Amino acid sequence: MLMLTHYNDHKKDSQSHRIQFQETDPGRCYDITQCAAYGDTKEEALRNLEEIIYHLLDEYEAIEKLYCAGFYEDDLREVDCFGKLLKAENNIK
């Protein structure tokens, strides 16, 4: 699942704030050229690829809905410079 994250390095320059999508499951892939499907047979690998593609389409649909609704501060999760969630009030939903 993707989440929208925010990081502030507090340097007060033009790139102090970073907002990006971050995956909560590190095993997921969102760049279709980097996704690989596996199986004991070619058919099983193809079925696995179908599952990956369906998951990608679901996530992209969720991103589209979020974009169409508008991005709001409530959608952001605060992270540190390594992308780890901070234990802050706005991270609890």
Protein backbone atom coordinates (compact mmCIF):
# COMPACT_ATOMS: atom_id res chain seq x y z
CA MET A 1 0.00 0.00 0.00
CA LEU A 2 1.26 3.45 -0.87
CA MET A 3 1.25 6.38 1.52
CA LEU A 4 2.08 10.01 0.95
CA THR A 5 5.02 11.14 3.09
CA HIS A 6 6.52 14.47 4.08
CA TYR A 7 10.05 15.26 5.27
CA ASN A 8 11.34 18.67 6.39
CA ASP A 9 15.11 19.05 6.82
CA HIS A 10 14.59 22.48 8.46
CA LYS A 11 17.31 24.11 6.30
CA LYS A 12 14.75 26.62 4.98
CA ASP A 13 15.94 26.44 1.40
CA SER A 14 14.12 25.68 -1.85
CA GLN A 15 14.28 21.92 -1.28
CA SER A 16 13.71 21.71 2.47
CA HIS A 17 10.36 19.93 2.14
CA ARG A 18 10.09 16.59 0.33
CA ILE A 19 6.75 14.95 -0.39
CA GLN A 20 6.70 11.55 -2.06
CA PHE A 21 4.88 8.26 -2.27
CA GLN A 22 6.31 5.53 -0.09
CA GLU A 23 5.43 1.85 0.00
CA THR A 24 4.42 0.34 3.33
CA ASP A 25 5.27 -3.15 2.06
CA PRO A 26 8.91 -3.17 0.86
CA GLY A 27 8.23 -6.27 -1.24
CA ARG A 28 5.94 -4.36 -3.60
CA CYS A 29 7.08 -2.91 -6.92
CA TYR A 30 5.50 0.07 -8.69
CA ASP A 31 7.86 0.41 -11.64
CA ILE A 32 6.45 -2.17 -14.03
CA THR A 33 9.85 -2.57 -15.71
CA GLN A 34 11.33 -3.68 -12.36
CA CYS A 35 8.59 -6.18 -11.46
CA ALA A 36 9.43 -9.84 -11.83
CA ALA A 37 7.01 -12.77 -11.55
CA TYR A 38 8.05 -16.28 -10.59
CA GLY A 39 6.58 -19.76 -10.59
CA ASP A 40 7.41 -23.44 -10.86
CA THR A 41 6.11 -23.33 -14.44
CA LYS A 42 5.75 -20.68 -17.13
CA GLU A 43 1.99 -20.69 -16.56
CA GLU A 44 2.40 -20.17 -12.81
CA ALA A 45 4.80 -17.29 -13.44
CA LEU A 46 2.26 -15.72 -15.81
CA ARG A 47 -0.48 -16.05 -13.16
CA ASN A 48 1.87 -14.41 -10.66
CA LEU A 49 2.50 -11.58 -13.16
CA GLU A 50 -1.27 -11.09 -13.51
CA GLU A 51 -1.55 -10.71 -9.71
CA ILE A 52 1.25 -8.13 -9.73
CA ILE A 53 -0.43 -6.18 -12.54
CA TYR A 54 -3.82 -6.22 -10.80
CA HIS A 55 -2.17 -4.91 -7.63
CA LEU A 56 -0.43 -2.17 -9.64
CA LEU A 57 -3.70 -1.12 -11.26
CA ASP A 58 -5.46 -1.01 -7.87
CA GLU A 59 -2.72 1.19 -6.42
CA TYR A 60 -2.69 3.50 -9.46
CA GLU A 61 -6.49 3.81 -9.18
CA ALA A 62 -6.10 4.80 -5.51
CA ILE A 63 -3.51 7.42 -6.50
CA GLU A 64 -5.87 8.75 -9.18
CA LYS A 65 -8.71 9.07 -6.66
CA LEU A 66 -6.42 10.87 -4.20
CA TYR A 67 -5.22 13.21 -6.96
CA CYS A 68 -8.74 13.96 -8.18
CA ALA A 69 -9.92 14.65 -4.62
CA GLY A 70 -6.94 16.91 -4.01
CA PHE A 71 -3.98 16.36 -1.75
CA TYR A 72 -4.49 17.55 1.79
CA GLU A 73 -2.12 17.83 4.74
CA ASP A 74 -4.17 15.15 6.52
CA ASP A 75 -3.04 12.70 3.81
CA LEU A 76 0.64 13.19 4.68
CA ARG A 77 2.68 11.02 7.04
CA GLU A 78 5.74 12.63 8.62
CA VAL A 79 9.01 10.73 8.07
CA ASP A 80 12.66 11.19 9.01
CA CYS A 81 15.50 11.60 6.51
CA PHE A 82 15.60 7.81 6.03
CA GLY A 83 11.88 7.61 5.22
CA LYS A 84 10.92 6.01 8.55
CA LEU A 85 7.62 7.13 10.03
CA LEU A 86 7.88 9.55 12.91
CA LYS A 87 5.67 8.98 15.92
CA ALA A 88 3.67 12.14 15.52
CA GLU A 89 0.02 12.95 16.05
CA ASN A 90 -0.66 13.30 12.32
CA ASN A 91 0.69 9.80 11.66
CA ILE A 92 -2.09 8.14 13.63
CA LYS A 93 -5.30 7.46 11.75
